[in-house]
Each structure stands twice: as structure tokens, then as C-alpha cells.
Protein backbone atom coordinates (compact mmCIF):
# COMPACT_ATOMS: atom_id res chain seq x y z
CA MET A 1 152.41 22.20 170.86
CA GLY A 2 155.10 20.01 172.51
CA HIS A 3 155.33 19.69 176.32
CA HIS A 4 157.92 21.97 178.17
CA PRO A 5 159.50 20.60 181.60
CA GLY A 6 158.91 23.07 184.57
CA GLY A 7 155.98 25.00 182.69
CA PRO A 8 153.19 25.12 179.81
CA GLY A 9 153.70 23.43 176.29
CA ARG A 10 155.86 25.66 173.66
CA PRO A 11 155.91 25.72 170.29
CA ARG A 12 157.67 22.51 168.57
CA GLY A 13 161.25 23.19 166.86
CA LEU A 14 162.12 25.83 169.86
CA ASP A 15 165.56 23.20 170.71
CA ARG A 16 166.30 23.22 167.12
CA ARG A 17 166.14 26.76 166.29
CA ARG A 18 167.56 27.90 169.60
CA ALA A 19 170.62 25.81 168.85
CA GLY A 20 173.81 27.91 169.16
CA ARG A 21 172.44 30.37 171.27
CA ARG A 22 174.13 31.20 174.39
CA ARG A 23 171.99 31.33 177.92
CA ASP A 24 172.68 31.90 181.18
CA ARG A 25 169.92 30.33 183.09
CA GLY A 26 169.53 32.43 186.30
CA GLY A 27 172.17 34.59 186.44
CA ARG A 28 173.14 38.32 184.85
CA GLY A 29 175.32 38.25 181.66
CA ARG A 30 176.47 40.24 179.10
CA GLY A 31 174.24 43.31 179.24
CA PRO A 32 172.89 45.15 176.29
CA ARG A 33 175.32 47.07 173.97
CA PRO A 34 175.72 50.77 172.48
CA VAL A 35 174.73 51.67 169.30
CA PRO A 36 177.90 51.36 166.79
CA ALA A 37 179.49 54.92 165.89
CA ALA A 38 179.50 53.89 162.39
CA GLN A 39 175.77 53.71 162.64
CA ARG A 40 175.25 57.18 164.50
CA ARG A 41 176.80 58.69 161.71
CA ALA A 42 175.43 56.69 158.76
CA ALA A 43 171.82 57.49 160.59
CA ARG A 44 169.48 60.38 159.56
CA PRO A 45 166.66 61.69 161.50
CA VAL A 46 163.63 59.72 161.14
CA ARG A 47 160.13 61.17 159.94
CA GLY A 48 156.74 59.67 159.97
CA VAL A 49 157.02 55.68 159.30
CA ALA A 50 160.32 56.00 157.31
CA ALA A 51 162.31 53.69 159.90
CA ALA A 52 160.04 51.23 158.56
CA PRO A 53 161.78 50.62 155.13
CA ARG A 54 165.24 50.60 156.46
CA ARG A 55 164.48 48.15 158.82
CA ALA A 56 163.60 45.74 156.14
CA GLY A 57 166.48 46.41 154.16
CA ALA A 58 168.77 45.39 157.15
CA ARG A 59 166.60 42.50 157.37
CA ALA A 60 167.26 41.07 154.03
CA ALA A 61 171.05 41.81 154.03
CA ARG A 62 171.20 39.71 157.54
CA ARG A 63 169.16 37.16 156.07
CA SER A 64 171.85 36.80 153.10
CA ARG A 65 174.44 35.70 155.94
CA PRO A 66 175.11 32.19 157.56
CA ALA A 67 172.99 31.01 160.24
CA GLY A 68 173.89 32.02 163.44
CA ARG A 69 176.48 34.88 162.42
CA ALA A 70 175.73 38.41 162.92
CA GLY A 71 178.20 39.45 160.08
CA PRO A 72 181.40 41.68 160.11
CA ARG A 73 181.77 44.35 163.16
CA ARG A 74 181.41 48.04 162.10
CA PRO A 75 184.26 50.29 162.99
CA GLY A 76 183.83 52.58 165.62
CA ARG A 77 182.28 50.57 168.14
CA GLY A 78 184.01 51.85 171.12
CA ALA A 79 182.44 55.18 170.84
CA ALA A 80 181.24 56.62 174.04
CA PRO A 81 177.59 55.52 174.59
CA VAL A 82 174.39 57.52 173.89
CA ARG A 83 172.85 58.75 177.42
CA ALA A 84 169.38 58.17 178.50
CA LEU A 85 168.79 61.80 179.10
CA PRO A 86 165.55 62.98 181.22
CA ARG A 87 162.54 63.99 180.24
CA ALA A 88 162.48 67.69 179.07
CA ALA A 89 159.64 69.40 180.50
CA GLY A 90 157.48 71.05 177.72
CA GLY A 91 158.48 68.15 174.83
CA GLY A 92 158.66 69.62 171.35
CA ALA A 93 161.69 69.30 168.91
CA GLY A 94 164.87 68.28 170.76
CA ALA A 95 163.39 68.05 174.18
CA GLY A 96 164.84 64.68 175.09
CA PRO A 97 163.69 61.35 174.75
CA GLY A 98 159.80 61.50 173.74
CA GLY A 99 160.27 65.06 172.74
CA GLY A 100 159.75 65.05 168.88
CA ASP A 101 163.23 63.88 167.51
CA PRO A 102 162.62 59.78 166.64
CA LEU A 103 166.15 59.44 165.94
CA ARG A 104 167.60 60.26 169.31
CA ASP A 105 164.31 58.67 171.17
CA ARG A 106 165.62 55.37 169.35
CA ARG A 107 169.17 55.71 170.26
CA HIS A 108 168.02 56.55 174.40
CA GLY A 109 165.34 52.80 174.49
CA VAL A 110 162.00 55.18 174.21
CA LEU A 111 159.66 54.20 171.04
CA PRO A 112 158.96 56.93 168.67
CA ARG A 113 155.27 57.37 168.89
CA HIS A 114 154.61 55.89 165.62
CA LEU A 115 156.27 52.86 166.74
CA VAL A 116 154.24 52.16 169.97
CA PRO A 117 151.34 49.54 169.03
CA ALA A 118 147.72 51.27 169.06
CA PRO A 119 146.05 49.81 172.33
CA ARG A 120 144.11 47.09 171.53
CA GLY A 121 140.17 47.81 170.64
CA SER A 122 141.31 50.66 168.58
CA ALA A 123 140.87 51.52 164.97
CA ALA A 124 143.99 49.73 164.21
CA HIS A 125 143.23 46.81 166.12
CA PRO A 126 138.98 46.69 166.17
CA ARG A 127 138.83 43.12 166.22
CA HIS A 128 140.87 42.38 169.61
CA PRO A 129 140.21 43.01 172.89
CA ALA A 130 141.52 46.44 174.69
CA VAL A 131 144.64 45.02 175.47
CA ARG A 132 148.38 46.12 175.10
CA TRP A 133 151.02 43.91 175.99
CA VAL A 134 154.12 45.50 175.09
CA ARG A 135 155.53 48.96 177.48
CA PRO A 136 158.52 51.37 176.37
CA LEU A 137 161.50 51.86 178.58
CA PRO A 138 161.00 53.70 180.62
CA SER A 139 157.82 53.42 181.43
CA GLY A 140 155.33 54.76 183.48
CA GLU A 141 153.81 51.48 184.42
CA PRO A 142 153.17 50.33 187.87
CA VAL A 143 156.34 47.19 188.85
CA GLU A 144 153.15 44.78 189.14
CA VAL A 145 153.12 45.17 185.21
CA ILE A 146 156.76 45.99 184.15
CA GLY A 147 158.52 44.10 186.97
CA GLY A 148 161.34 45.51 189.38
CA LYS A 149 163.83 44.96 186.67
CA ALA A 150 162.17 47.24 184.07
CA HIS A 151 160.93 49.62 186.96
CA GLY A 152 165.08 50.36 187.93
CA LEU A 153 165.58 50.73 184.43
CA GLY A 154 163.20 53.44 183.92
CA VAL A 155 164.86 55.15 187.21
CA LEU A 156 168.33 55.06 185.80
CA MET A 157 166.76 57.11 182.73
CA ARG A 158 165.09 59.87 184.34
CA LEU A 159 168.25 60.19 186.55
CA GLY A 160 169.99 60.50 182.94
CA LEU A 161 172.61 57.58 183.37
CA ALA A 162 173.37 55.32 180.34
CA VAL A 163 171.02 52.47 180.04
CA PRO A 164 171.07 50.30 176.91
CA ALA A 165 167.81 50.78 174.88
CA GLY A 166 165.09 48.06 175.28
CA PHE A 167 161.22 47.35 176.09
CA VAL A 168 159.42 45.36 178.51
CA ILE A 169 156.38 42.71 178.19
CA GLY A 170 154.37 43.37 180.82
CA ALA A 171 153.81 40.29 183.26
CA HIS A 172 149.79 39.95 182.31
CA ALA A 173 151.56 38.39 179.18
CA CYS A 174 153.14 36.00 181.27
CA ARG A 175 149.96 35.30 183.06
CA ALA A 176 148.03 34.78 179.74
CA TYR A 177 150.73 32.14 178.93
CA LEU A 178 150.42 30.10 181.45
CA ARG A 179 146.78 30.04 181.21
CA ASP A 180 146.24 29.08 177.33
CA GLY A 181 149.72 27.28 177.00
CA ARG A 182 150.93 29.87 174.02
CA LEU A 183 151.57 33.54 173.72
CA PRO A 184 149.04 35.85 173.62
CA GLY A 185 146.95 37.08 170.30
CA GLY A 186 148.79 40.08 168.99
CA LEU A 187 152.49 39.81 170.82
CA ALA A 188 154.69 39.09 168.15
CA ALA A 189 152.98 42.26 166.09
CA GLU A 190 153.87 44.40 169.03
CA VAL A 191 157.13 43.15 169.61
CA SER A 192 157.96 43.31 165.95
CA ALA A 193 157.18 47.14 166.07
CA ALA A 194 158.57 47.71 169.23
CA LEU A 195 162.18 46.30 168.02
CA ALA A 196 162.28 48.91 165.59
CA GLY A 197 163.04 51.52 168.21
CA LEU A 198 166.27 49.40 169.14
CA PRO A 199 169.49 49.45 167.15
CA ASP A 200 170.16 46.33 164.80
CA GLY A 201 172.04 43.61 166.71
CA GLU A 202 171.96 41.03 169.32
CA VAL A 203 169.56 41.50 172.25
CA ALA A 204 169.30 40.19 176.23
CA VAL A 205 166.06 38.32 177.20
CA ARG A 206 165.47 38.47 180.91
CA SER A 207 162.62 37.47 183.33
CA GLY A 208 161.97 40.57 186.05
CA ALA A 209 158.98 39.76 188.23
CA GLY A 210 157.21 42.35 190.39
CA VAL A 211 158.99 41.01 193.89
CA SER A 212 162.63 40.08 193.47
CA MET A 213 163.43 36.53 192.75
CA PRO A 214 167.43 36.24 192.05
CA GLY A 215 168.60 33.75 190.11
CA MET A 216 165.21 32.03 189.70
CA MET A 217 163.89 32.42 186.05
CA THR A 218 165.91 31.85 182.94
CA THR A 219 168.15 34.68 181.07
CA VAL A 220 168.80 34.11 177.35
CA LEU A 221 171.59 36.12 176.46
CA GLY A 222 173.17 36.98 172.60
CA LEU A 223 169.99 36.23 170.86
CA PRO A 224 169.67 37.66 166.98
CA ALA A 225 166.48 39.90 167.06
CA ASP A 226 165.59 38.97 163.50
CA PRO A 227 163.93 36.76 162.36
CA ILE A 228 161.96 37.26 165.32
CA GLY A 229 160.81 33.59 165.70
CA PRO A 230 163.70 32.47 167.51
CA LEU A 231 163.46 35.58 170.23
CA LEU A 232 159.72 35.25 170.90
CA ASP A 233 161.18 31.15 171.64
CA ALA A 234 163.31 32.88 174.39
CA VAL A 235 160.27 34.79 175.42
CA THR A 236 158.51 31.91 175.69
CA GLU A 237 161.41 29.76 177.55
CA VAL A 238 161.38 32.78 179.95
CA PHE A 239 157.84 32.64 180.76
CA ALA A 240 157.75 29.23 181.46
CA SER A 241 160.86 29.46 184.27
CA TRP A 242 158.03 31.03 186.12
CA HIS A 243 157.29 27.24 186.99
CA THR A 244 160.65 25.67 187.00
CA PRO A 245 161.12 23.49 190.64
CA ARG A 246 163.44 26.35 191.80
CA ALA A 247 161.27 29.21 191.09
CA ARG A 248 158.38 27.56 192.99
CA THR A 249 160.47 26.55 195.90
CA TYR A 250 161.73 30.12 196.10
CA ARG A 251 158.36 31.46 196.44
CA GLU A 252 157.26 29.04 198.74
CA LEU A 253 159.96 29.91 201.05
CA ASN A 254 159.48 33.79 200.39
CA GLY A 255 155.28 33.63 200.79
CA VAL A 256 155.49 34.95 196.65
CA PRO A 257 152.02 33.96 195.39
CA HIS A 258 152.63 31.44 191.81
CA ASP A 259 149.86 33.28 190.43
CA LEU A 260 151.92 36.60 189.55
CA GLY A 261 154.17 36.18 186.37
CA THR A 262 156.94 37.43 185.29
CA ALA A 263 157.59 40.36 182.70
CA VAL A 264 160.45 40.28 180.16
CA THR A 265 162.44 42.88 179.78
CA ILE A 266 164.27 43.03 175.99
CA GLN A 267 167.51 45.23 175.81
CA ALA A 268 170.36 45.34 173.38
CA MET A 269 173.48 44.01 174.32
CA VAL A 270 176.64 45.32 175.98
CA TYR A 271 180.03 43.37 176.31
CA GLY A 272 181.98 42.90 179.49
CA ASP A 273 184.29 40.71 177.56
CA ARG A 274 184.78 42.70 174.36
CA ASP A 275 188.14 43.91 175.08
CA PRO A 276 190.92 44.56 177.87
CA ARG A 277 189.17 47.87 178.84
CA SER A 278 186.09 45.89 179.22
CA GLY A 279 184.42 44.33 182.59
CA THR A 280 181.80 43.65 184.68
CA GLY A 281 180.42 44.14 188.41
CA VAL A 282 177.81 44.70 191.00
CA ALA A 283 178.41 47.47 193.26
CA PHE A 284 176.34 48.29 196.96
CA THR A 285 176.39 51.88 197.72
CA ARG A 286 177.26 50.74 201.52
CA ASP A 287 178.53 47.52 203.02
CA PRO A 288 175.49 45.31 202.97
CA THR A 289 177.51 43.38 205.91
CA THR A 290 178.44 45.96 208.34
CA GLY A 291 176.10 48.79 206.70
CA ALA A 292 179.30 51.24 206.01
CA PRO A 293 178.90 54.31 204.00
CA ALA A 294 181.68 53.13 201.39
CA PRO A 295 181.22 51.53 197.87
CA PHE A 296 181.12 47.81 198.32
CA GLY A 297 181.15 45.15 195.82
CA ASP A 298 182.76 42.98 193.01
CA VAL A 299 184.27 43.40 189.39
CA LEU A 300 185.76 40.73 186.68
CA PHE A 301 187.90 42.65 184.19
CA GLY A 302 187.28 41.01 180.54
CA ARG A 303 184.30 38.72 181.92
CA ARG A 304 180.68 38.71 181.48
CA GLY A 305 178.77 39.38 184.18
CA ASP A 306 176.95 35.65 185.11
CA ALA A 307 180.53 34.90 185.88
CA VAL A 308 179.96 37.47 189.31
CA VAL A 309 176.96 36.27 190.45
CA SER A 310 177.62 32.65 190.23
CA GLY A 311 180.58 32.08 192.36
CA ARG A 312 182.56 30.29 189.04
CA GLU A 313 185.54 32.42 189.10
CA ALA A 314 187.50 34.73 191.32
CA THR A 315 186.24 38.45 192.16
CA VAL A 316 188.60 41.70 193.24
CA PRO A 317 187.10 44.20 195.04
CA LEU A 318 185.24 46.90 193.41
CA GLY A 319 187.40 49.43 194.61
CA GLU A 320 190.18 48.00 192.26
CA LEU A 321 188.55 49.24 189.56
CA ALA A 322 189.55 52.88 190.49
CA GLY A 323 193.03 52.23 189.60
CA ARG A 324 192.45 50.59 186.15
CA GLU A 325 189.68 52.41 184.80
CA PRO A 326 189.29 56.10 186.66
CA ALA A 327 186.69 57.50 184.49
CA VAL A 328 184.46 54.10 184.78
CA TRP A 329 184.82 54.69 188.53
CA ALA A 330 184.33 58.16 188.55
CA GLY A 331 181.09 57.55 186.67
CA LEU A 332 179.87 54.43 188.57
CA THR A 333 180.60 56.58 191.74
CA HIS A 334 178.53 59.48 190.42
CA ALA A 335 175.64 57.13 189.76
CA MET A 336 175.62 55.51 193.09
CA ALA A 337 175.09 58.67 194.73
CA ARG A 338 172.36 59.65 192.39
CA VAL A 339 170.53 56.50 193.17
CA GLU A 340 171.00 56.79 196.53
CA ALA A 341 169.68 60.20 196.52
CA HIS A 342 166.37 59.20 194.27
CA TYR A 343 165.78 56.05 196.41
CA ARG A 344 166.86 57.61 200.01
CA ASP A 345 168.45 54.03 201.15
CA ALA A 346 171.33 51.98 200.47
CA CYS A 347 171.10 50.63 196.85
CA TYR A 348 172.29 47.81 194.43
CA LEU A 349 173.63 48.31 190.97
CA GLU A 350 174.58 45.84 188.15
CA PHE A 351 176.92 47.31 185.41
CA THR A 352 178.83 46.71 182.56
CA TYR A 353 181.53 48.54 180.83
CA GLU A 354 182.59 47.90 177.45
CA SER A 355 185.77 49.53 175.89
CA GLY A 356 185.48 51.97 178.56
CA ASP A 357 182.29 52.84 177.76
CA LEU A 358 179.85 52.50 181.25
CA TRP A 359 176.42 51.13 180.87
CA PHE A 360 174.12 50.51 183.95
CA LEU A 361 171.80 47.31 184.00
CA GLN A 362 169.82 47.04 187.09
CA VAL A 363 168.93 49.19 190.14
CA ARG A 364 166.87 48.15 193.44
CA PRO A 365 167.14 49.48 196.97
CA GLY A 366 169.58 47.19 198.91
CA ARG A 367 167.16 45.48 201.19
CA PHE A 368 169.55 45.18 204.03
CA THR A 369 169.07 43.08 207.11
CA GLY A 370 170.15 42.31 210.21
CA ALA A 371 172.73 44.72 211.72
CA ALA A 372 173.80 46.61 208.15
CA ALA A 373 169.76 47.83 208.33
CA VAL A 374 170.55 49.15 211.35
CA VAL A 375 173.74 50.97 210.63
CA VAL A 376 172.07 52.17 207.67
CA ALA A 377 169.08 53.62 208.97
CA ALA A 378 170.72 55.51 211.95
CA ASP A 379 173.53 56.81 209.36
CA LEU A 380 171.07 58.02 207.23
CA ALA A 381 168.68 59.52 209.57
CA ASP A 382 171.86 61.65 211.32
CA GLU A 383 172.63 62.68 207.68
CA GLY A 384 169.44 64.32 207.13
CA VAL A 385 168.01 61.76 204.28
CA ILE A 386 165.44 60.19 206.31
CA GLY A 387 163.10 61.46 209.60
CA ARG A 388 164.05 59.37 212.70
CA ALA A 389 160.70 57.95 212.56
CA GLU A 390 161.04 56.61 208.92
CA ALA A 391 164.21 55.09 210.31
CA LEU A 392 162.62 53.44 213.18
CA LEU A 393 159.41 51.66 210.67
CA ARG A 394 162.52 50.48 208.06
CA VAL A 395 164.39 48.50 210.95
CA ALA A 396 162.65 44.88 211.73
CA PRO A 397 162.42 43.91 215.47
CA GLU A 398 164.42 40.64 214.42
CA ASP A 399 167.23 42.74 213.02
CA LEU A 400 168.16 43.64 216.70
CA ARG A 401 168.99 40.00 217.40
CA ARG A 402 172.17 39.56 219.22
CA VAL A 403 175.10 38.54 216.75
CA ALA A 404 177.26 35.53 217.38
CA ARG A 405 180.85 35.33 217.29
CA VAL A 406 183.45 32.93 217.91
CA THR A 407 185.36 33.90 220.68
CA GLY A 408 187.43 30.78 222.26
CA PRO A 409 190.26 29.04 221.17
CA ALA A 410 189.41 27.40 217.38
CA ASP A 411 190.77 24.79 214.82
CA VAL A 412 190.30 26.61 212.12
CA VAL A 413 190.48 24.77 208.98
CA ALA A 414 189.46 27.20 205.96
CA ARG A 415 189.47 31.58 205.99
CA GLY A 416 187.46 33.06 203.40
CA LEU A 417 185.29 36.38 203.17
CA GLY A 418 181.97 36.52 206.12
CA ALA A 419 178.90 37.03 203.68
CA CYS A 420 176.06 37.30 206.25
CA PRO A 421 177.09 37.91 210.03
CA GLY A 422 176.47 35.07 212.66
CA VAL A 423 177.69 31.31 214.08
CA ALA A 424 176.51 28.29 212.82
CA THR A 425 177.58 24.91 213.86
CA GLY A 426 176.56 21.55 212.14
CA ARG A 427 177.11 19.05 210.33
CA VAL A 428 178.86 18.74 207.18
CA ALA A 429 177.03 18.13 203.95
CA THR A 430 178.08 18.73 200.17
CA SER A 431 175.38 18.68 198.33
CA ALA A 432 171.62 20.39 198.73
CA GLU A 433 170.38 16.83 198.66
CA ALA A 434 172.76 15.85 201.82
CA ALA A 435 171.29 18.94 203.19
CA VAL A 436 167.96 18.44 203.17
CA ARG A 437 168.15 14.78 204.42
CA MET A 438 170.52 15.27 207.22
CA ALA A 439 168.96 18.47 208.78
CA ALA A 440 165.78 16.13 209.80
CA ALA A 441 168.49 14.79 212.50
CA GLY A 442 169.99 18.39 213.36
CA PRO A 443 171.77 21.21 212.06
CA VAL A 444 173.82 21.06 208.68
CA VAL A 445 175.95 23.59 207.34
CA LEU A 446 175.82 23.18 203.53
CA VAL A 447 179.75 23.71 201.98
CA ARG A 448 179.79 23.87 197.88
CA PRO A 449 182.40 25.00 195.30
CA GLU A 450 179.66 27.62 194.87
CA THR A 451 175.80 27.40 194.58
CA SER A 452 173.65 27.83 192.19
CA PRO A 453 169.67 28.21 192.46
CA LEU A 454 169.11 24.17 191.91
CA ASP A 455 170.76 24.26 195.40
CA LEU A 456 167.90 26.10 196.97
CA ARG A 457 166.48 23.56 199.03
CA GLY A 458 169.76 22.93 200.93
CA ILE A 459 170.13 26.69 201.48
CA ALA A 460 167.03 26.84 203.29
CA ALA A 461 167.60 23.47 204.89
CA ALA A 462 171.07 24.66 206.90
CA ALA A 463 172.00 26.72 209.30
CA GLY A 464 174.75 27.72 207.42
CA ILE A 465 176.88 27.97 204.19
CA VAL A 466 180.46 27.89 203.04
CA THR A 467 181.79 28.38 199.40
CA ALA A 468 184.97 28.04 198.16
CA ARG A 469 184.62 30.20 195.25
CA GLY A 470 182.46 33.50 194.85
CA GLY A 471 182.51 37.15 196.52
CA PRO A 472 180.24 39.50 198.61
CA ALA A 473 177.79 39.54 195.73
CA SER A 474 177.45 35.56 194.64
CA HIS A 475 174.92 33.74 194.67
CA ALA A 476 175.57 32.23 197.57
CA ALA A 477 175.94 35.58 199.72
CA VAL A 478 173.24 37.34 198.13
CA VAL A 479 170.34 34.17 199.26
CA ALA A 480 172.57 33.77 202.45
CA ARG A 481 171.89 37.36 203.46
CA ALA A 482 168.00 37.17 202.28
CA MET A 483 167.66 33.97 204.04
CA GLY A 484 169.53 35.32 207.41
CA ARG A 485 171.86 32.68 206.81
CA PRO A 486 175.51 32.63 208.44
CA ALA A 487 177.45 32.47 205.40
CA VAL A 488 181.36 32.20 204.47
CA VAL A 489 182.03 32.46 200.73
CA GLY A 490 185.44 32.54 198.53
CA ALA A 491 187.31 29.91 200.83
CA ALA A 492 190.85 29.46 199.55
CA GLY A 493 192.04 26.40 199.26
CA LEU A 494 188.58 24.40 200.13
CA VAL A 495 188.41 21.36 197.74
CA VAL A 496 184.86 19.60 198.04
CA SER A 497 184.03 16.18 196.36
CA PRO A 498 181.00 14.23 197.19
CA GLY A 499 181.09 13.22 200.31
CA SER A 500 184.10 14.95 201.83
CA VAL A 501 185.85 18.49 202.01
CA ARG A 502 189.85 18.82 201.96
CA ALA A 503 190.87 21.85 203.95
CA GLY A 504 194.32 23.47 205.77
CA GLY A 505 195.75 19.92 204.29
CA ARG A 506 193.19 17.37 206.24
CA THR A 507 189.50 15.31 204.64
CA ILE A 508 186.63 16.46 206.77
CA PRO A 509 184.09 13.96 205.91
CA GLU A 510 180.24 14.35 205.29
CA GLY A 511 178.87 14.29 208.73
CA ALA A 512 182.12 15.98 210.52
CA LEU A 513 181.03 18.46 212.93
CA VAL A 514 182.11 22.15 212.12
CA THR A 515 181.85 26.16 212.83
CA LEU A 516 181.86 29.29 210.77
CA ASP A 517 181.69 32.61 211.79
CA GLY A 518 179.87 34.78 209.37
CA THR A 519 181.69 37.98 209.95
CA SER A 520 185.39 36.90 210.52
CA GLY A 521 184.85 34.51 207.90
CA GLU A 522 186.50 31.41 209.83
CA VAL A 523 185.45 27.79 209.67
CA ALA A 524 186.46 25.58 212.17
CA LEU A 525 186.50 21.71 213.29
CA GLY A 526 184.50 20.98 216.19
CA GLU A 527 182.16 23.80 218.25
CA PRO A 528 184.18 26.59 220.10
CA ALA A 529 183.10 29.00 222.12
CA VAL A 530 180.76 31.27 221.15
CA THR A 531 179.19 35.24 222.46
CA ALA A 532 176.67 37.02 221.63
CA GLU A 533 176.47 40.60 221.38
CA LEU A 534 174.17 43.22 219.82
CA ALA A 535 176.01 45.71 217.45
CA ASP A 536 177.51 48.93 218.02
CA ALA A 537 176.22 52.21 218.98
CA HIS A 538 174.11 52.69 216.46
CA VAL A 539 171.52 50.23 218.15
CA HIS A 540 171.32 51.97 221.56
CA ARG A 541 171.39 55.17 219.41
CA LEU A 542 167.99 53.75 217.57
CA LEU A 543 166.59 52.28 220.65
CA GLY A 544 167.22 55.76 222.36
CA TRP A 545 164.70 56.90 219.78
CA ALA A 546 162.45 54.43 219.91
CA ASP A 547 161.94 55.34 223.98
CA ASP A 548 161.09 58.58 223.14
CA VAL A 549 158.46 57.60 220.68
CA SER A 550 156.69 55.12 222.86
CA GLY A 551 157.71 56.58 226.29
CA GLY A 552 159.34 53.16 226.89
CA VAL A 553 160.99 51.42 229.69
CA PRO A 554 165.26 50.92 228.48
CA ASP A 555 165.84 48.14 230.69
CA ARG A 556 162.80 46.30 228.32
CA PRO A 557 164.12 43.85 225.78
CA GLU A 558 165.58 45.31 222.75
CA ALA A 559 162.83 43.89 220.29
CA GLU A 560 160.16 44.84 222.63
CA ARG A 561 161.58 48.46 222.63
CA LEU A 562 161.60 48.82 219.04
CA ARG A 563 158.00 47.16 218.72
CA ALA A 564 156.35 49.60 221.01
CA ALA A 565 157.75 52.58 219.22
CA HIS A 566 156.06 50.52 215.74
CA VAL A 567 152.46 50.52 217.39
CA VAL A 568 153.03 54.02 218.04
CA LEU A 569 154.02 55.16 214.77
CA ARG A 570 151.60 53.16 212.93
CA GLN A 571 148.59 54.53 214.94
């Protein structure tokens, strides 16, 4: 057992076996793929354990091919995706996933009963403790067991939205690995059985902790599921990434315990770069910066999903999808309405469409902060989705902070997209290390081409963030909003070099004083005049409700008025 930096040991030979494997550290990528149409046409109803010989034959055929190749592509791959239908009451044949049709269950990512591993300690495993590591999708297990990603996938499937077939390894398996330095006994057999419920082909192996840790752990993409050895190596790699420095730093900054571990979701692949009618993107049901009730996000045509979140490529606004792929847009807006109605909150969706077929890879509540949180809570109450009391409890007192804006004359050198409202003034730092070092002497503004999880300590040390590339769903934007840092992303014409920045035809040395406005997206030299103001009428309406609850006096500070209402509502 060799040592793996950042985590417990891993099996020898891992580096050799994973040679040539595509991976994405800390981002999304090409998601899971649909069952080829030719395979669907050739399939026959599976009864009992008849699926095992068919898969064994497929394995033998794949072993005869040269290593690392998936073989010739079958025709009909552009067929419509198999939809993940909600469970029908009463079960029985033809009742939908889990209702007695093993073939259809396999397509929808629900393991047939004969493929679900028996609990340990049963007659099937009399010598092992009663622990089961693998769960099907969807699963009724709590988020602490299957992780936030798998929990969200289950929600999507129950809403009847298209989700690639897959299964999940529980976080308790990760804790066992971190404790013992090896994968737990019996896991390989359960994974092998679960793979029999997936279509043949490549898989995506993704982390998914019970709390959101965006981009902090490893993702492995495009991995052949047979033979199983490299797949188990990928699972080991994801487990080990729980203790990488960036993951530990994120948990320390956000008060997340170090002993939770991560679940691992394994799904069939879909490809956003398959052809000109493929793409990938992220979508918010409401604007995460302002809270406005309109679809918002980024999309890239013919690209992998990791390009969206990393900020390496210039994205286009989500709305451009409507003109290019109207059917995909219609499916996306339908899904956005469904998930927002389910969560009763603004939501975040990740999606990939392959040859015109739309697939969903993740969903979670938006977790907006600041002015956006106020606007969304007040609007949802006005729409009758939630009550006024719940709206008050969804807004934290710190969300009522006055938002600063640059109002005086400013020497603007760059313009981008405002990713998180507020104003930050500080000395330019062109690396995370410089930001940490310089922050000891005063505020700094971290200026990068784009950010990655490796920049986390620099982001935490900085008063604000500016990136040359990326959109509102890029790593820099997401982390800035989560940490409450004013941010500007996608500043066109900004060139970042070690020790200096070139913008507006001028060279700005590291250490120069700059000011960024996270609302307007402007970056200016020096320290222009700034004013602070509360958000619009939504704040005043929300505070009126707070006073009605607490009997408070309107001339008190805004945060105190909201806290008084919280005290009454929580009694």
C-alpha cells in the first residue's frame, strides 16, 4: 500500500492504471451519457438473473479490444434520452422505475431487486457485518449518507426529469477508507453488482459530501467501467481528496467538520461536446446577484461542463440557448419551474444536452445571500409560495447590510460582470500566495486570469476578487458569493502576469491601489467616492413584516428589527 499525498494510502500501480484517463479536479465535466438507441432496440425484457450472462459477454468483447479504447460507436446514439419517471403507486409490472420491469429500471438508474446487494449479515453474506455500502438512485437515504449530489439527483428523478443512470457509494464507506487506509471489505462486490444496472460504456465518478464543497474534491470522467479495477482506483482517489489541502481549508473556513467524509456518485456519461447540437451549462431559477425572478446562468455550445465552472472559456448568457436550441430551452425552463416548486426556493441546476437531448446532472437550492436573499424571500411570500414568517426566517440579519456603490468620478481601467455586490478597495495581488502575505499589512484585491480551488486561501484573505475570464457561474463568482466578497469576473482586456496587471492600455504593478464595484462590474484606480445604501423596496416590505411580528419600533437599526422578529418566531 503506497502513500498518496493528501490522504491515506492507495493501491500500488494506480498511476499506471489511470494513464490516459480524463479527469477534472474540482469541477463538473461531461456528464453521463444516454443508452444508445441501437442498444435499446436490441434489448429484451430481463427476467430473474438473465442480465448477468449478457453483461459477461459484453465484458469479454471489450477485453478483446486494445486498452483504452471504447470500440466503434454504434448508430442511433442521438436518440431521445430515456426519462427518469416518477414511481407509480402500487408498483407492479409496468409501474415505472422499481415497479417490476427490470429492463426499464436499468435504463432509469434504478437497480432491479435481483441486482441490489444483499445486506451484510444476511444469508448472502453470513460472515460480514451488517453494512451495505452502495445505494441505488433514487435512494430514500438521508443526505448525510448519500451526499447532496445524489440526494438532488433523486429529487430530479422523482420529478420525472431526465437523469443519467447511476448509483451512489455512501459517505460511511469514505470514513471507513480514511480510518483504515483501504477500501472497505465487500465494496468491490457491491459496485460490481450495481454496474450491472448501468448501460455499457464510460462513467463519471463524482464526489458529493453532505454539505456543499464546490470544486474542493476530485472528479474523474470518461472512465471505462469494465474491468472494475480502474473504477475502484477512481473511487479511492475521490475518497483521498477529502483530505487535500484545499478541501481542509474550505472546511476550516466554513466550519465543516473534518470527519464527515464524502459519498461518491457513479453515473453513465453524456457528452456536451458530442456534436454541434450539444452543449452544457448552469442555470439559476432567479438572478443570484439581484434576486430578480428570471432564468439566469451560463452556457457553452459544444463544450465540456468544466469549462463553464472553471472560467477558462468565455461563456454566453443562458438566454442564448432559446434561439439556438428551442426544444432544449423549453425543457430547461420546464425543469426550473418544477424544481423551484419542489424546493419552494430559488434553485441551481447543472445540465448537459447531447445531440439535442437534455440531461440534468445536479440540483440544489440557490442559497442566495445579501440583497438577493431579501428579494427572493419577499417575492416568494408575495407569490404565496411561502408565508411571511418563513420569509423572515430565511433572511439573516447580515443580509441587510448596506450595499456600497461607487458614486464619485472614477478612473476606470476595466469592466466585467458584477458577480457579488459591494465595493472593495485594496492593493493588487496577482497570486493567492501574494494575497495572503500582503493582507497582513492591509486590504488586498486578488486579480487572477481565473480562480481555482487552489486559490481558496487567497480568496479568503482578499477584500475583493477580479478575474479576466469567467461568467456568473464560474468558480470565482460562486465562491465570492458564498464568502460575501465583492467580485468582478470576465473583465475583458485584463491581462494578468506575475507581479503586474495590464488593463486599459496601462500597466498596474502589484501593490497598486484599486477599487472594484461588484454591482456595476467596474475596476478603477485609486479610491473613488463610495456611498452605502439599502436594497430596494423589498427590504422595507420585509422589515414591515418583522415589526408586525415583534411589535418593534421602525427607527431601530434594520438588523435589530429582523433579529427581534426571529426571536419571536423561534419561541
